[in-house]
C-alpha cells in the first residue's frame, strides 16, 4: 500500500511513495505543508517515515519491532513529531468451581 495523489477535479492518479512491501496505515501533513509523516506497518513492525513531496525518498524516523503506533502529530512549529505507542497483551483465564 502506497500514498497516491489525484489532482482535482479531473487529473490522473500519481504515486507519491513506491514501497514494495507493508502498508501505509495513516499519514499527516506538517503545519507548513512541506512534509508528510507516514505511519507504516510491515507484518508486526510499526514505523514512522517523513517525506518531502517532490524532494526525494521517504526517510525513516523511528521503528518498533513490537507494539503499535496509534496516533501521530507534528508540533505547531513543525520541528517535532509526537506519537502514541504501546504494547498490549491478552490473557485467557480459566476459572473453575466458581460459586
Foldseek 3Di string as FASTA:
>chain_A
DFDWDADPDDGDIGTQADDPAWDFPDKDAQLVRQKMWTWTDGPAKIFIWIGGGPPDHIHTDDMDNHWDWDDKYADNVRPDIDTDTDHDDDDDDDDPPDD
